[in-house]
Amino acid sequence: MCCKIKIIIVIISIFINFIKILPVCAEEDFSQNSFQESALLLIEANTGCILSQEYAEQKRPVGSLAKLMTAYLTAKAIENGDFAMDSVMTAGESVSGMDGAVIWLKPGDTITVRELLLALIVGNANDAAAVLADRISGSSETFVMDMNATAFDLGMRATHFTSPQGFDDSIAYSTAQDMGLLACAVLRCDILSECLTTWRTFIRNDTVELVNENSLTRTWDNCRGLKAARSPASGNSVIAAAQQDDMICVAVVLGCPDEDERFTIAKKMLNAGFQRYQITIPGFSEEFLQPLRMKGGTESAVLLKLSGLPALAVPAGAQLQAVMILPEYVQAPVRKNQKLGTVYFYHEETLLCECALLASEEVPAMTFQLACKRVLHFLF
């Protein structure tokens, strides 16, 4: 269909500062917090652009941060109409003898979904996770399968969950990069906003007090919440989000040696994101979209259009480069919106995104009958 490929390079002026990205791999050990350095990731939630990272692809235990996946699956079940925030659920036998943080549920106790989500995210309640898992998937074991399947769908290819609660387990792990993807997905669930940003509240007829371990929900007005966690295996961790204008930054800090320092690190990362980056749509002039030559069609060329330019979080002062790749010609027939080429957008050697070049119209193949009609029309 195509022969020679021509490459057109377009320099686009966008002024942005650069933050160096240093992905590093490390030895896997999920049974204890044996990592000497924290794993860090800064990502812009609306665009999915990674702004900075360190040890972000290193598999580590993440402890009760796994509850964000439990919250996400609950939100999706609500969106699907399986139940509502004010639906009442009944605790089963799975809450009996539950270890760690709990809201003291007993088999047969009733509680609303909203209270369960507050208990899960704000109070880190393990029995709340068990009730939600049983209701959504029938059992914790099946729910874990759903957690891992959903993680795969979200692009979390280096994650393995083993419980709805995020109990320490030698075969449970994730990465800062994967947890950043999960955080972005959770932030898109508006129904979870209240739970994510609540610092202190009461549930169960005001008999149970919940206080959020994520102190940023109390001290920072821009905070969009998410979750803090700590355990012997995972150390001190936090996933924190903040918003400034149309930009939402998410900082992931895994395995910090100090429980207070994790919040300081996260806030510094978030502030750096707002100060050094901005959201922009790459400029691309339509003058570069010349008609593409055709062979064997009813027209000699086909008009092109760009599939759409995505918003990008980019550093201030940088210069983006667009590389357009098209065949020298295309063979008829061509369908409307058929992909005929691609525009790649780069910052230095880093590929930021790619956009398809589409046929703006249908161009049928020339047939003998069509050729005869055209000749007759020309003559008469």
Protein backbone atom coordinates (compact mmCIF):
# COMPACT_ATOMS: atom_id res chain seq x y z
CA MET A 1 0.00 0.00 0.00
CA CYS A 2 2.82 2.45 0.80
CA CYS A 3 6.31 2.74 -0.53
CA LYS A 4 8.93 5.25 0.61
CA ILE A 5 8.47 6.94 3.97
CA LYS A 6 9.13 10.64 4.33
CA ILE A 7 9.88 12.23 7.70
CA ILE A 8 9.06 15.87 8.39
CA ILE A 9 10.48 17.48 11.51
CA VAL A 10 8.73 20.49 12.97
CA ILE A 11 10.19 22.53 15.85
CA ILE A 12 7.57 23.91 18.19
CA SER A 13 8.30 26.73 20.65
CA ILE A 14 7.03 25.85 24.10
CA PHE A 15 9.05 27.28 26.97
CA ILE A 16 9.48 24.93 29.86
CA ASN A 17 12.25 23.79 32.61
CA PHE A 18 13.38 20.13 32.68
CA ILE A 19 13.45 17.76 35.67
CA LYS A 20 15.79 14.82 35.23
CA ILE A 21 14.26 11.36 35.32
CA LEU A 22 16.32 8.64 36.94
CA PRO A 23 14.60 5.25 36.92
CA VAL A 24 16.67 2.71 38.86
CA CYS A 25 16.09 -0.98 39.37
CA ALA A 26 16.81 -2.76 42.62
CA GLU A 27 16.83 -6.22 44.07
CA GLU A 28 13.39 -7.58 44.91
CA ASP A 29 12.54 -8.27 48.55
CA PHE A 30 8.89 -8.14 49.56
CA SER A 31 9.06 -9.70 53.01
CA GLN A 32 10.61 -6.75 54.84
CA ASN A 33 11.48 -3.10 54.40
CA SER A 34 15.06 -3.75 53.27
CA PHE A 35 15.28 -0.88 50.75
CA GLN A 36 17.71 1.85 51.69
CA GLU A 37 16.16 4.59 49.54
CA SER A 38 12.57 5.76 49.20
CA ALA A 39 10.83 5.15 45.90
CA LEU A 40 9.46 8.45 44.55
CA LEU A 41 7.10 9.42 41.76
CA LEU A 42 5.51 12.72 40.72
CA ILE A 43 2.74 12.46 38.14
CA GLU A 44 0.17 14.91 36.75
CA ALA A 45 -3.23 13.26 37.13
CA ASN A 46 -5.17 14.87 34.27
CA THR A 47 -2.59 14.09 31.59
CA GLY A 48 -0.87 11.04 33.11
CA CYS A 49 2.52 12.67 32.44
CA ILE A 50 5.32 11.56 34.77
CA LEU A 51 7.18 14.65 35.96
CA SER A 52 9.93 13.01 38.02
CA GLN A 53 10.74 9.62 39.46
CA GLU A 54 13.37 7.78 41.45
CA TYR A 55 13.34 4.02 42.01
CA ALA A 56 9.77 4.25 40.69
CA GLU A 57 9.90 0.92 38.82
CA GLN A 58 11.30 -0.97 41.81
CA LYS A 59 8.91 -3.61 43.15
CA ARG A 60 8.19 -3.07 46.84
CA PRO A 61 5.62 -3.92 49.50
CA VAL A 62 3.02 -1.15 49.70
CA GLY A 63 1.00 -2.30 52.72
CA SER A 64 -2.41 -0.75 53.26
CA LEU A 65 -2.05 1.51 50.21
CA ALA A 66 -3.71 -1.50 48.57
CA LYS A 67 -6.95 -0.22 50.12
CA LEU A 68 -7.01 2.40 47.36
CA MET A 69 -7.78 -0.43 44.96
CA THR A 70 -10.53 -1.64 47.30
CA ALA A 71 -11.97 1.89 47.30
CA TYR A 72 -11.67 2.11 43.51
CA LEU A 73 -13.55 -1.15 42.95
CA THR A 74 -16.24 0.06 45.35
CA ALA A 75 -16.59 3.32 43.39
CA LYS A 76 -16.87 1.41 40.10
CA ALA A 77 -19.55 -0.85 41.61
CA ILE A 78 -21.50 2.27 42.62
CA GLU A 79 -21.09 3.71 39.10
CA ASN A 80 -22.39 0.41 37.69
CA GLY A 81 -25.52 0.65 39.87
CA ASP A 82 -24.73 -2.38 42.05
CA PHE A 83 -25.43 -0.30 45.16
CA ALA A 84 -25.33 3.34 46.31
CA MET A 85 -23.47 5.35 48.93
CA ASP A 86 -26.47 5.13 51.28
CA SER A 87 -26.97 1.39 50.73
CA VAL A 88 -26.81 -0.68 53.92
CA MET A 89 -24.48 -3.68 54.07
CA THR A 90 -24.36 -6.49 56.62
CA ALA A 91 -21.06 -7.71 58.04
CA GLY A 92 -20.37 -11.41 57.56
CA GLU A 93 -18.16 -13.91 59.35
CA SER A 94 -15.08 -12.49 57.61
CA VAL A 95 -14.93 -9.64 60.15
CA SER A 96 -14.43 -12.02 63.06
CA GLY A 97 -10.98 -11.81 64.63
CA MET A 98 -9.80 -9.16 62.17
CA ASP A 99 -6.29 -7.87 62.96
CA GLY A 100 -5.02 -4.30 62.90
CA ALA A 101 -7.13 -1.16 62.57
CA VAL A 102 -10.87 -1.91 62.84
CA ILE A 103 -14.19 -0.23 63.51
CA TRP A 104 -15.25 -3.20 65.69
CA LEU A 105 -17.77 -4.72 63.32
CA LYS A 106 -19.33 -8.04 64.34
CA PRO A 107 -21.12 -10.54 62.11
CA GLY A 108 -24.67 -9.28 61.55
CA ASP A 109 -23.85 -5.59 62.11
CA THR A 110 -25.23 -3.20 59.50
CA ILE A 111 -23.47 -0.14 58.11
CA THR A 112 -23.78 2.13 55.06
CA VAL A 113 -21.40 2.10 52.11
CA ARG A 114 -20.46 5.72 52.81
CA GLU A 115 -19.41 4.82 56.36
CA LEU A 116 -17.47 1.80 55.10
CA LEU A 117 -15.55 3.96 52.63
CA LEU A 118 -14.77 6.56 55.32
CA ALA A 119 -13.61 3.76 57.61
CA LEU A 120 -11.53 2.24 54.81
CA ILE A 121 -9.75 5.42 53.66
CA VAL A 122 -9.74 7.65 56.75
CA GLY A 123 -9.60 5.02 59.48
CA ASN A 124 -7.71 2.33 57.53
CA ALA A 125 -10.24 -0.20 58.84
CA ASN A 126 -9.54 -3.78 57.84
CA ASP A 127 -13.01 -5.05 58.74
CA ALA A 128 -14.56 -2.40 56.46
CA ALA A 129 -12.44 -3.76 53.59
CA ALA A 130 -13.70 -7.28 54.32
CA VAL A 131 -17.37 -6.22 54.18
CA LEU A 132 -16.90 -4.38 50.88
CA ALA A 133 -14.96 -7.29 49.34
CA ASP A 134 -17.65 -9.80 50.34
CA ARG A 135 -20.44 -7.63 48.91
CA ILE A 136 -18.69 -6.81 45.63
CA SER A 137 -17.13 -10.16 44.74
CA GLY A 138 -18.66 -12.71 47.10
CA SER A 139 -15.47 -13.38 49.05
CA SER A 140 -12.09 -11.82 49.78
CA GLU A 141 -10.39 -14.44 47.62
CA THR A 142 -12.47 -13.59 44.57
CA PHE A 143 -12.12 -9.89 45.32
CA VAL A 144 -8.32 -10.22 45.23
CA MET A 145 -8.63 -11.72 41.76
CA ASP A 146 -10.72 -8.70 40.75
CA MET A 147 -8.12 -6.36 42.27
CA ASN A 148 -5.35 -7.88 40.19
CA ALA A 149 -7.44 -7.98 37.01
CA THR A 150 -8.34 -4.31 37.45
CA ALA A 151 -4.71 -3.44 38.15
CA PHE A 152 -3.76 -5.03 34.83
CA ASP A 153 -6.50 -3.06 33.04
CA LEU A 154 -5.14 0.18 34.54
CA GLY A 155 -1.66 -0.61 33.21
CA MET A 156 -0.27 -1.69 36.59
CA ARG A 157 1.88 -4.49 35.17
CA ALA A 158 4.26 -4.76 38.17
CA THR A 159 1.65 -5.19 40.91
CA HIS A 160 0.29 -8.17 42.81
CA PHE A 161 -2.31 -7.81 45.55
CA THR A 162 -3.04 -10.61 48.03
CA SER A 163 -5.74 -9.08 50.27
CA PRO A 164 -8.35 -6.29 50.20
CA GLN A 165 -6.66 -4.83 53.30
CA GLY A 166 -3.06 -4.79 52.08
CA PHE A 167 -1.72 -7.06 54.83
CA ASP A 168 2.05 -7.59 54.70
CA ASP A 169 2.76 -10.61 52.53
CA SER A 170 6.01 -11.84 50.99
CA ILE A 171 4.35 -12.12 47.56
CA ALA A 172 2.43 -8.81 47.63
CA TYR A 173 4.11 -5.92 45.86
CA SER A 174 3.72 -2.90 43.61
CA THR A 175 5.80 0.04 42.39
CA ALA A 176 5.62 3.80 42.83
CA GLN A 177 4.81 4.03 39.13
CA ASP A 178 1.91 1.59 39.38
CA MET A 179 0.54 3.18 42.53
CA GLY A 180 0.65 6.53 40.74
CA LEU A 181 -1.57 5.07 37.99
CA LEU A 182 -3.98 3.77 40.63
CA ALA A 183 -4.07 7.16 42.38
CA CYS A 184 -4.94 8.90 39.09
CA ALA A 185 -7.79 6.43 38.54
CA VAL A 186 -9.10 6.95 42.09
CA LEU A 187 -9.05 10.73 41.67
CA ARG A 188 -11.30 10.38 38.61
CA CYS A 189 -13.97 8.84 40.87
CA ASP A 190 -15.75 11.97 42.12
CA ILE A 191 -17.82 9.91 44.54
CA LEU A 192 -14.65 9.24 46.60
CA SER A 193 -13.66 12.92 46.98
CA GLU A 194 -15.22 13.34 50.41
CA CYS A 195 -13.55 10.24 51.82
CA LEU A 196 -10.16 11.11 50.36
CA THR A 197 -10.03 14.60 51.85
CA THR A 198 -11.64 14.02 55.27
CA TRP A 199 -9.24 14.47 58.18
CA ARG A 200 -11.51 13.62 61.13
CA THR A 201 -15.07 12.32 61.39
CA PHE A 202 -17.39 9.99 63.34
CA ILE A 203 -19.39 7.00 62.12
CA ARG A 204 -21.70 4.32 63.57
CA ASN A 205 -23.96 6.80 65.34
CA ASP A 206 -20.96 8.87 66.44
CA THR A 207 -19.55 5.99 68.47
CA VAL A 208 -16.42 5.49 66.33
CA GLU A 209 -13.95 8.30 65.67
CA LEU A 210 -11.85 8.23 62.50
CA VAL A 211 -8.64 10.29 62.16
CA ASN A 212 -6.75 10.36 58.88
CA GLU A 213 -3.07 9.40 59.06
CA ASN A 214 -2.49 11.60 56.02
CA SER A 215 -1.85 14.86 57.89
CA LEU A 216 -1.84 16.84 54.63
CA THR A 217 -5.65 16.61 54.61
CA ARG A 218 -5.59 18.81 57.73
CA THR A 219 -2.71 21.17 57.01
CA TRP A 220 -2.93 21.93 53.29
CA ASP A 221 -5.93 23.58 51.62
CA ASN A 222 -4.87 22.42 48.15
CA CYS A 223 -4.79 18.76 49.23
CA ARG A 224 -6.93 16.30 47.27
CA GLY A 225 -6.22 13.55 49.77
CA LEU A 226 -5.49 9.87 48.99
CA LYS A 227 -3.70 7.78 51.64
CA ALA A 228 -0.85 7.25 54.09
CA ALA A 229 0.35 3.84 55.24
CA ARG A 230 2.97 2.17 57.40
CA SER A 231 3.86 -1.41 58.24
CA PRO A 232 6.98 -3.45 59.10
CA ALA A 233 7.33 -4.62 55.49
CA SER A 234 6.49 -1.41 53.62
CA GLY A 235 7.89 1.18 56.02
CA ASN A 236 6.32 4.66 55.97
CA SER A 237 4.52 5.60 52.76
CA VAL A 238 2.10 8.17 51.43
CA ILE A 239 0.30 8.94 48.19
CA ALA A 240 -0.76 12.59 48.24
CA ALA A 241 -2.49 14.75 45.66
CA ALA A 242 -2.94 18.50 45.40
CA GLN A 243 -4.60 20.81 42.90
CA GLN A 244 -3.61 24.22 41.59
CA ASP A 245 -5.81 25.69 38.86
CA ASP A 246 -6.25 22.98 36.19
CA MET A 247 -3.26 20.95 37.35
CA ILE A 248 -3.49 18.00 39.76
CA CYS A 249 -0.18 16.57 40.92
CA VAL A 250 0.20 13.23 42.69
CA ALA A 251 3.27 12.42 44.78
CA VAL A 252 4.06 8.81 45.70
CA VAL A 253 6.56 8.17 48.51
CA LEU A 254 7.22 4.51 49.34
CA GLY A 255 9.44 3.19 52.13
CA CYS A 256 10.42 6.43 53.85
CA PRO A 257 12.51 5.81 57.01
CA ASP A 258 10.68 8.53 58.99
CA GLU A 259 6.89 8.69 59.37
CA ASP A 260 6.78 12.52 59.39
CA GLU A 261 9.38 13.04 56.67
CA ARG A 262 7.20 11.26 54.10
CA PHE A 263 4.72 14.15 54.23
CA THR A 264 7.49 16.74 53.95
CA ILE A 265 8.91 14.96 50.90
CA ALA A 266 5.49 14.61 49.29
CA LYS A 267 4.65 18.29 49.78
CA LYS A 268 8.02 19.39 48.34
CA MET A 269 7.44 17.20 45.31
CA LEU A 270 3.94 18.58 44.77
CA ASN A 271 5.12 22.18 45.07
CA ALA A 272 7.95 21.47 42.63
CA GLY A 273 5.42 20.13 40.16
CA PHE A 274 3.33 23.29 40.30
CA GLN A 275 6.37 25.59 40.14
CA ARG A 276 8.29 23.89 37.33
CA TYR A 277 5.59 22.47 35.10
CA GLN A 278 2.53 23.61 33.24
CA ILE A 279 -0.21 21.99 31.21
CA THR A 280 -0.19 22.85 27.53
CA ILE A 281 -1.53 21.55 24.24
CA PRO A 282 1.31 21.19 21.69
CA GLY A 283 1.12 23.61 18.80
CA PHE A 284 0.87 22.06 15.34
CA SER A 285 0.22 24.18 12.25
CA GLU A 286 -2.20 22.83 9.65
CA GLU A 287 0.15 24.10 6.92
CA PHE A 288 2.17 20.93 7.44
CA LEU A 289 -0.86 18.81 6.55
CA GLN A 290 -0.48 18.89 2.77
CA PRO A 291 -2.75 16.55 0.74
CA LEU A 292 -1.29 13.07 0.49
CA ARG A 293 -0.81 11.79 -3.06
CA MET A 294 -2.98 8.83 -4.09
CA LYS A 295 -2.72 6.13 -6.71
CA GLY A 296 -5.65 4.35 -8.29
CA GLY A 297 -8.31 6.59 -6.73
CA THR A 298 -11.09 8.83 -7.91
CA GLU A 299 -9.01 11.73 -6.58
CA SER A 300 -5.32 12.39 -7.04
CA ALA A 301 -4.80 13.19 -3.33
CA VAL A 302 -6.54 12.85 0.02
CA LEU A 303 -6.82 15.59 2.64
CA LEU A 304 -5.44 14.86 6.12
CA LYS A 305 -6.54 15.80 9.61
CA LEU A 306 -5.00 15.32 13.06
CA SER A 307 -6.86 12.94 15.37
CA GLY A 308 -6.55 15.44 18.24
CA LEU A 309 -3.84 17.04 20.34
CA PRO A 310 -3.74 15.91 23.97
CA ALA A 311 -2.92 18.15 26.90
CA LEU A 312 0.59 17.55 28.26
CA ALA A 313 2.33 18.49 31.50
CA VAL A 314 5.66 19.86 30.31
CA PRO A 315 8.58 21.74 31.87
CA ALA A 316 8.77 25.53 31.39
CA GLY A 317 11.41 26.66 28.92
CA ALA A 318 11.69 23.42 26.93
CA GLN A 319 11.35 23.13 23.19
CA LEU A 320 9.12 20.41 21.81
CA GLN A 321 9.82 18.72 18.53
CA ALA A 322 7.16 17.21 16.28
CA VAL A 323 8.12 14.42 13.89
CA MET A 324 5.53 13.68 11.20
CA ILE A 325 5.76 10.33 9.40
CA LEU A 326 3.74 9.72 6.22
CA PRO A 327 4.00 7.40 3.22
CA GLU A 328 5.04 9.00 -0.09
CA TYR A 329 1.65 8.00 -1.48
CA VAL A 330 -1.32 5.82 -0.56
CA GLN A 331 -3.17 3.29 -2.69
CA ALA A 332 -6.95 3.67 -3.13
CA PRO A 333 -9.47 2.99 -1.76
CA VAL A 334 -9.20 5.06 1.43
CA ARG A 335 -11.85 5.11 4.16
CA LYS A 336 -12.82 8.25 6.02
CA ASN A 337 -10.84 8.47 9.31
CA GLN A 338 -8.43 5.78 8.10
CA LYS A 339 -5.03 6.18 9.76
CA LEU A 340 -2.45 7.22 7.17
CA GLY A 341 0.40 8.52 9.32
CA THR A 342 1.53 9.64 12.77
CA VAL A 343 2.86 12.77 14.46
CA TYR A 344 5.26 12.12 17.35
CA PHE A 345 5.93 14.84 19.94
CA TYR A 346 9.31 14.79 21.72
CA HIS A 347 11.11 16.70 24.43
CA GLU A 348 14.76 16.13 23.64
CA GLU A 349 14.91 12.32 23.27
CA THR A 350 11.81 11.60 25.35
CA LEU A 351 8.62 10.69 23.47
CA LEU A 352 5.75 12.59 25.09
CA CYS A 353 2.85 11.42 22.94
CA GLU A 354 1.80 10.43 19.45
CA CYS A 355 -1.23 11.49 17.37
CA ALA A 356 -2.68 9.75 14.34
CA LEU A 357 -3.03 11.45 10.96
CA LEU A 358 -6.38 10.48 9.45
CA ALA A 359 -8.03 10.69 6.05
CA SER A 360 -10.57 13.53 6.23
CA GLU A 361 -12.73 11.99 3.49
CA GLU A 362 -13.46 8.74 1.70
CA VAL A 363 -11.74 8.23 -1.64
CA PRO A 364 -13.00 5.21 -3.64
CA ALA A 365 -10.81 3.28 -6.05
CA MET A 366 -11.15 4.21 -9.70
CA THR A 367 -13.09 1.59 -11.69
CA PHE A 368 -13.65 1.17 -15.41
CA GLN A 369 -17.28 2.31 -15.09
CA LEU A 370 -16.28 5.46 -13.14
CA ALA A 371 -13.59 6.24 -15.69
CA CYS A 372 -16.09 5.96 -18.54
CA LYS A 373 -18.58 8.23 -16.77
CA ARG A 374 -15.91 10.87 -16.24
CA VAL A 375 -14.88 10.78 -19.91
CA LEU A 376 -18.48 11.09 -21.06
CA HIS A 377 -19.12 13.95 -18.62
CA PHE A 378 -16.04 15.76 -19.91
CA LEU A 379 -17.07 15.27 -23.58
CA PHE A 380 -20.73 16.16 -23.26
